[in-house]
Amino acid sequence: MKQLNLKDVTQYVEDNIGDFHKRRLEKVTGLKLKEVLLAKNPYLFKAKNALDASEIIRDILNASISSSEESIFGNWLERLAIFINDSVFQGRKAGIPGIDLDFDRGEKRYIVAIKSGPNWGNDGQIKNLISEFNTARKRFSTSGGIVNLVCVNGCCYGRTRERYEYKAKGNYYKLCGQRFWELISGEPDLYTKLILPLAHEARERNEEFVQHYSNLINRLTLEFMQEFCDADGSINWEKLVIYNSEFIPNKPATKKKKSINS
């Protein structure tokens, strides 16, 4: 085990945080009106008495962007965690489906499935995680007879209560926030020290994002009014619901014309 050099972590964050902002911006500039409308419930907007086209667009965009940002930043944090773990324990990206990190600490071998936060999955997804851990155990047992293998669901943020960390159903540990960062780095206070370098160029990047976001609202609002508003400016709810929920039957198969040589 090596001592974690926080200057190296800061440098890594400053060198790579731009990728998060770039992907965040790409998500905004790439959104299409009809794609996001298909994913939203028009009945809900009507039940809320939404009358303003820009209000509907903002509501749709805020939900879409919030979800995508969580996913984009979660993937970025995963790469940061692997970098930190490699610096201390020579950890590596696991070559096992569903497992993100594989490293030795002391007399134990840890395999970690990294998630952004603690409330990441439903029952089916958790069952899949347990299945992936079981697959990993079988693979390790047949390749070298590792006894002290510990399976961990690591969450980049969130609280952990020690008595609830071990999950008997699945035989794994769920470590969140401080406990996760300490496990992969050996530093109990790392979770608080990470927050400062993340602000690198944040103001400048956010100003650029806000400008593109405002342009997107204007563009999508205009498209929405052209497609789903009547001449007096009122929303044509029937047209919106038809676009969102109408059944589309298969097109009838067309007979191929016989070739002159057939």
Protein backbone atom coordinates (compact mmCIF):
# COMPACT_ATOMS: atom_id res chain seq x y z
CA MET A 1 0.00 0.00 0.00
CA LYS A 2 1.26 3.46 -0.96
CA GLN A 3 0.38 6.76 0.67
CA LEU A 4 -2.14 8.69 -1.42
CA ASN A 5 -0.71 11.89 -2.85
CA LEU A 6 -3.55 14.43 -2.76
CA LYS A 7 -1.69 16.68 -5.21
CA ASP A 8 -1.88 13.90 -7.78
CA VAL A 9 -5.62 13.57 -7.16
CA THR A 10 -6.11 17.33 -7.54
CA GLN A 11 -4.12 17.31 -10.76
CA TYR A 12 -6.15 14.40 -12.12
CA VAL A 13 -9.41 16.19 -11.33
CA GLU A 14 -8.26 19.44 -12.94
CA ASP A 15 -7.02 17.59 -16.03
CA ASN A 16 -10.19 15.53 -16.47
CA ILE A 17 -13.16 17.47 -15.07
CA GLY A 18 -13.50 19.15 -18.45
CA ASP A 19 -14.72 15.83 -19.87
CA PHE A 20 -17.75 15.94 -17.56
CA HIS A 21 -18.59 19.49 -18.64
CA LYS A 22 -18.09 18.60 -22.30
CA ARG A 23 -20.44 15.61 -22.14
CA ARG A 24 -22.96 17.64 -20.14
CA LEU A 25 -22.96 20.32 -22.82
CA GLU A 26 -23.21 17.77 -25.63
CA LYS A 27 -26.30 16.31 -23.97
CA VAL A 28 -28.00 19.71 -23.94
CA THR A 29 -27.13 20.71 -27.49
CA GLY A 30 -28.16 17.31 -28.84
CA LEU A 31 -31.69 17.14 -27.41
CA LYS A 32 -34.57 16.93 -29.89
CA LEU A 33 -38.10 18.05 -29.06
CA LYS A 34 -39.99 15.00 -30.32
CA GLU A 35 -37.58 12.62 -28.61
CA VAL A 36 -38.11 14.15 -25.17
CA LEU A 37 -41.88 14.51 -25.70
CA LEU A 38 -42.17 10.77 -26.26
CA ALA A 39 -40.62 10.12 -22.85
CA LYS A 40 -42.97 12.40 -20.89
CA ASN A 41 -46.55 12.09 -19.69
CA PRO A 42 -48.85 14.61 -21.42
CA TYR A 43 -51.71 13.76 -19.05
CA LEU A 44 -49.60 14.98 -16.14
CA PHE A 45 -49.02 18.36 -17.78
CA LYS A 46 -52.75 18.73 -18.39
CA ALA A 47 -53.58 17.69 -14.81
CA LYS A 48 -51.17 20.40 -13.59
CA ASN A 49 -53.01 22.89 -15.84
CA ALA A 50 -49.86 23.75 -17.76
CA LEU A 51 -50.78 26.56 -20.15
CA ASP A 52 -47.39 27.97 -21.08
CA ALA A 53 -45.36 26.19 -23.76
CA SER A 54 -42.07 27.36 -22.26
CA GLU A 55 -43.19 26.01 -18.86
CA ILE A 56 -43.69 22.56 -20.36
CA ILE A 57 -40.34 22.71 -22.14
CA ARG A 58 -38.51 23.75 -18.96
CA ASP A 59 -40.18 20.97 -16.99
CA ILE A 60 -39.17 18.37 -19.59
CA LEU A 61 -35.62 19.66 -19.90
CA ASN A 62 -34.99 19.92 -16.16
CA ALA A 63 -36.03 16.29 -15.64
CA SER A 64 -34.05 15.05 -18.64
CA ILE A 65 -30.89 17.00 -17.86
CA SER A 66 -30.92 16.16 -14.15
CA SER A 67 -31.08 12.45 -14.95
CA SER A 68 -28.34 12.63 -17.59
CA GLU A 69 -26.05 14.70 -15.39
CA GLU A 70 -26.29 12.14 -12.61
CA SER A 71 -25.33 9.39 -15.04
CA ILE A 72 -22.52 11.35 -16.72
CA PHE A 73 -20.97 12.46 -13.43
CA GLY A 74 -21.39 9.00 -11.92
CA ASN A 75 -19.32 7.54 -14.76
CA TRP A 76 -16.73 10.27 -14.27
CA LEU A 77 -16.50 9.55 -10.53
CA GLU A 78 -16.03 5.87 -11.30
CA ARG A 79 -12.93 6.70 -13.36
CA LEU A 80 -11.64 8.93 -10.54
CA ALA A 81 -12.13 6.09 -8.04
CA ILE A 82 -10.16 3.68 -10.25
CA PHE A 83 -7.36 6.26 -10.60
CA ILE A 84 -7.17 6.74 -6.82
CA ASN A 85 -7.27 3.02 -6.10
CA ASP A 86 -4.56 2.32 -8.67
CA SER A 87 -2.35 4.99 -7.03
CA VAL A 88 -2.59 3.28 -3.63
CA PHE A 89 -3.38 -0.42 -4.13
CA GLN A 90 -2.53 -0.91 -7.83
CA GLY A 91 -6.19 -1.63 -8.47
CA ARG A 92 -7.48 -2.21 -11.96
CA LYS A 93 -10.65 -2.18 -13.97
CA ALA A 94 -12.09 -5.64 -13.47
CA GLY A 95 -12.48 -7.89 -16.49
CA ILE A 96 -15.75 -9.24 -15.14
CA PRO A 97 -19.19 -7.98 -16.29
CA GLY A 98 -20.76 -5.69 -13.70
CA ILE A 99 -17.55 -5.35 -11.64
CA ASP A 100 -15.69 -2.04 -11.91
CA LEU A 101 -12.71 -2.44 -9.59
CA ASP A 102 -10.47 -5.30 -8.51
CA PHE A 103 -7.70 -4.86 -5.93
CA ASP A 104 -5.84 -6.41 -3.01
CA ARG A 105 -5.77 -4.79 0.41
CA GLY A 106 -4.03 -6.60 3.20
CA GLU A 107 -4.93 -10.28 3.06
CA LYS A 108 -8.17 -9.71 1.14
CA ARG A 109 -9.13 -9.40 -2.51
CA TYR A 110 -11.85 -6.83 -3.14
CA ILE A 111 -14.12 -6.64 -6.15
CA VAL A 112 -16.27 -3.52 -6.31
CA ALA A 113 -19.34 -2.56 -8.32
CA ILE A 114 -19.35 1.25 -8.25
CA LYS A 115 -22.59 3.21 -8.27
CA SER A 116 -23.11 6.95 -8.05
CA GLY A 117 -25.43 7.00 -5.02
CA PRO A 118 -27.12 4.60 -2.58
CA ASN A 119 -30.58 4.54 -4.21
CA TRP A 120 -29.42 3.29 -7.55
CA GLY A 121 -31.53 0.25 -8.39
CA ASN A 122 -34.77 -1.68 -8.10
CA ASP A 123 -35.14 -5.25 -6.85
CA GLY A 124 -34.38 -6.72 -10.25
CA GLN A 125 -31.17 -4.70 -10.65
CA ILE A 126 -30.00 -5.67 -7.17
CA LYS A 127 -30.65 -9.34 -8.00
CA ASN A 128 -28.51 -8.87 -11.11
CA LEU A 129 -25.72 -7.38 -8.98
CA ILE A 130 -25.83 -10.38 -6.62
CA SER A 131 -25.71 -12.70 -9.63
CA GLU A 132 -22.65 -10.85 -10.95
CA PHE A 133 -20.92 -11.19 -7.58
CA ASN A 134 -21.69 -14.93 -7.54
CA THR A 135 -20.30 -15.29 -11.06
CA ALA A 136 -17.13 -13.48 -9.97
CA ARG A 137 -16.75 -15.78 -6.94
CA LYS A 138 -17.00 -18.86 -9.15
CA ARG A 139 -14.46 -17.46 -11.58
CA PHE A 140 -11.96 -16.64 -8.85
CA SER A 141 -12.45 -19.99 -7.11
CA THR A 142 -11.66 -21.92 -10.28
CA SER A 143 -8.68 -19.75 -11.25
CA GLY A 144 -6.71 -19.69 -8.02
CA GLY A 145 -8.73 -20.70 -5.00
CA ILE A 146 -8.94 -17.21 -3.47
CA VAL A 147 -10.49 -17.56 -0.02
CA ASN A 148 -10.63 -13.97 1.28
CA LEU A 149 -12.68 -12.49 -1.54
CA VAL A 150 -14.88 -9.57 -0.49
CA CYS A 151 -17.66 -8.27 -2.75
CA VAL A 152 -18.59 -4.61 -2.36
CA ASN A 153 -21.28 -2.35 -3.76
CA GLY A 154 -19.51 1.01 -3.49
CA CYS A 155 -21.51 4.25 -3.68
CA CYS A 156 -19.71 7.55 -4.27
CA TYR A 157 -22.02 9.48 -1.96
CA GLY A 158 -24.54 8.77 0.77
CA ARG A 159 -24.40 7.68 4.39
CA THR A 160 -23.59 4.24 5.73
CA ARG A 161 -24.63 2.77 9.07
CA GLU A 162 -22.19 0.06 10.08
CA ARG A 163 -24.80 -2.44 11.23
CA TYR A 164 -26.52 -2.32 7.84
CA GLU A 165 -23.40 -2.53 5.66
CA TYR A 166 -23.27 -6.31 5.33
CA LYS A 167 -26.01 -7.76 3.15
CA ALA A 168 -26.51 -11.40 4.12
CA LYS A 169 -28.81 -11.86 1.15
CA GLY A 170 -26.13 -11.82 -1.50
CA ASN A 171 -23.11 -11.99 0.81
CA TYR A 172 -21.73 -8.56 -0.01
CA TYR A 173 -21.11 -5.17 1.61
CA LYS A 174 -22.70 -1.88 0.66
CA LEU A 175 -20.33 0.98 1.50
CA CYS A 176 -21.36 4.57 0.80
CA GLY A 177 -19.71 7.99 0.94
CA GLN A 178 -16.86 8.16 3.43
CA ARG A 179 -16.67 4.39 3.85
CA PHE A 180 -16.35 3.78 0.10
CA TRP A 181 -13.60 6.37 -0.48
CA GLU A 182 -11.70 5.15 2.60
CA LEU A 183 -11.86 1.54 1.38
CA ILE A 184 -10.33 2.29 -2.02
CA SER A 185 -7.78 4.88 -0.82
CA GLY A 186 -6.90 4.12 2.82
CA GLU A 187 -7.72 7.79 3.63
CA PRO A 188 -10.64 8.33 6.07
CA ASP A 189 -10.96 12.03 5.14
CA LEU A 190 -10.66 11.74 1.39
CA TYR A 191 -14.40 12.17 0.87
CA THR A 192 -14.20 15.77 2.13
CA LYS A 193 -10.94 16.60 0.36
CA LEU A 194 -12.35 15.68 -3.05
CA ILE A 195 -14.93 18.45 -3.05
CA LEU A 196 -12.55 21.40 -3.55
CA PRO A 197 -10.76 20.44 -6.79
CA LEU A 198 -14.12 19.69 -8.43
CA ALA A 199 -14.74 23.44 -8.59
CA HIS A 200 -11.92 23.85 -11.14
CA GLU A 201 -13.24 26.16 -13.90
CA ALA A 202 -16.79 25.42 -12.72
CA ARG A 203 -18.00 29.03 -13.02
CA GLU A 204 -16.70 29.47 -16.57
CA ARG A 205 -18.04 26.10 -17.67
CA ASN A 206 -21.44 26.75 -16.11
CA GLU A 207 -21.78 30.12 -17.83
CA GLU A 208 -21.26 28.37 -21.17
CA PHE A 209 -23.79 25.72 -20.21
CA VAL A 210 -26.42 28.28 -19.17
CA GLN A 211 -26.07 30.09 -22.50
CA HIS A 212 -26.62 26.88 -24.49
CA TYR A 213 -29.44 25.83 -22.15
CA SER A 214 -31.25 29.14 -22.70
CA ASN A 215 -30.83 28.81 -26.47
CA LEU A 216 -32.24 25.28 -26.27
CA ILE A 217 -35.32 26.43 -24.33
CA ASN A 218 -35.98 29.10 -26.93
CA ARG A 219 -35.53 26.70 -29.85
CA LEU A 220 -37.65 23.90 -28.40
CA THR A 221 -40.38 26.30 -27.28
CA LEU A 222 -40.61 27.66 -30.81
CA GLU A 223 -40.77 24.13 -32.25
CA PHE A 224 -43.40 23.12 -29.69
CA MET A 225 -45.61 26.11 -30.57
CA GLN A 226 -45.29 25.40 -34.27
CA GLU A 227 -46.17 21.72 -33.84
CA PHE A 228 -48.62 21.60 -30.93
CA CYS A 229 -50.24 25.02 -30.54
CA ASP A 230 -53.25 26.47 -32.36
CA ALA A 231 -53.24 29.81 -34.14
CA ASP A 232 -54.36 31.63 -30.99
CA GLY A 233 -51.35 30.22 -29.07
CA SER A 234 -53.27 27.68 -26.96
CA ILE A 235 -51.89 24.17 -26.62
CA ASN A 236 -53.59 21.56 -28.78
CA TRP A 237 -53.70 18.79 -26.20
CA GLU A 238 -55.35 16.27 -28.50
CA LYS A 239 -52.57 16.64 -31.05
CA LEU A 240 -49.94 16.33 -28.32
CA VAL A 241 -51.50 13.18 -26.86
CA ILE A 242 -51.86 11.62 -30.32
CA TYR A 243 -48.19 12.22 -31.02
CA ASN A 244 -47.16 10.84 -27.62
CA SER A 245 -49.46 7.82 -27.34
CA GLU A 246 -51.03 6.84 -30.69
CA PHE A 247 -50.69 3.20 -31.72
CA ILE A 248 -48.55 2.73 -34.82
CA PRO A 249 -49.36 -0.49 -36.73
CA ASN A 250 -46.81 -2.30 -38.82
CA LYS A 251 -46.63 -1.24 -42.42
CA PRO A 252 -48.00 -3.87 -44.79
CA ALA A 253 -45.28 -5.80 -46.52
CA THR A 254 -44.75 -4.82 -50.10
CA LYS A 255 -44.37 -7.53 -52.70
CA LYS A 256 -41.08 -7.48 -54.51
CA LYS A 257 -41.33 -7.07 -58.23
CA LYS A 258 -39.91 -9.93 -60.20
CA SER A 259 -36.73 -9.20 -61.99
CA ILE A 260 -36.72 -9.49 -65.74
CA ASN A 261 -34.10 -12.23 -65.31
CA SER A 262 -36.01 -14.21 -62.67
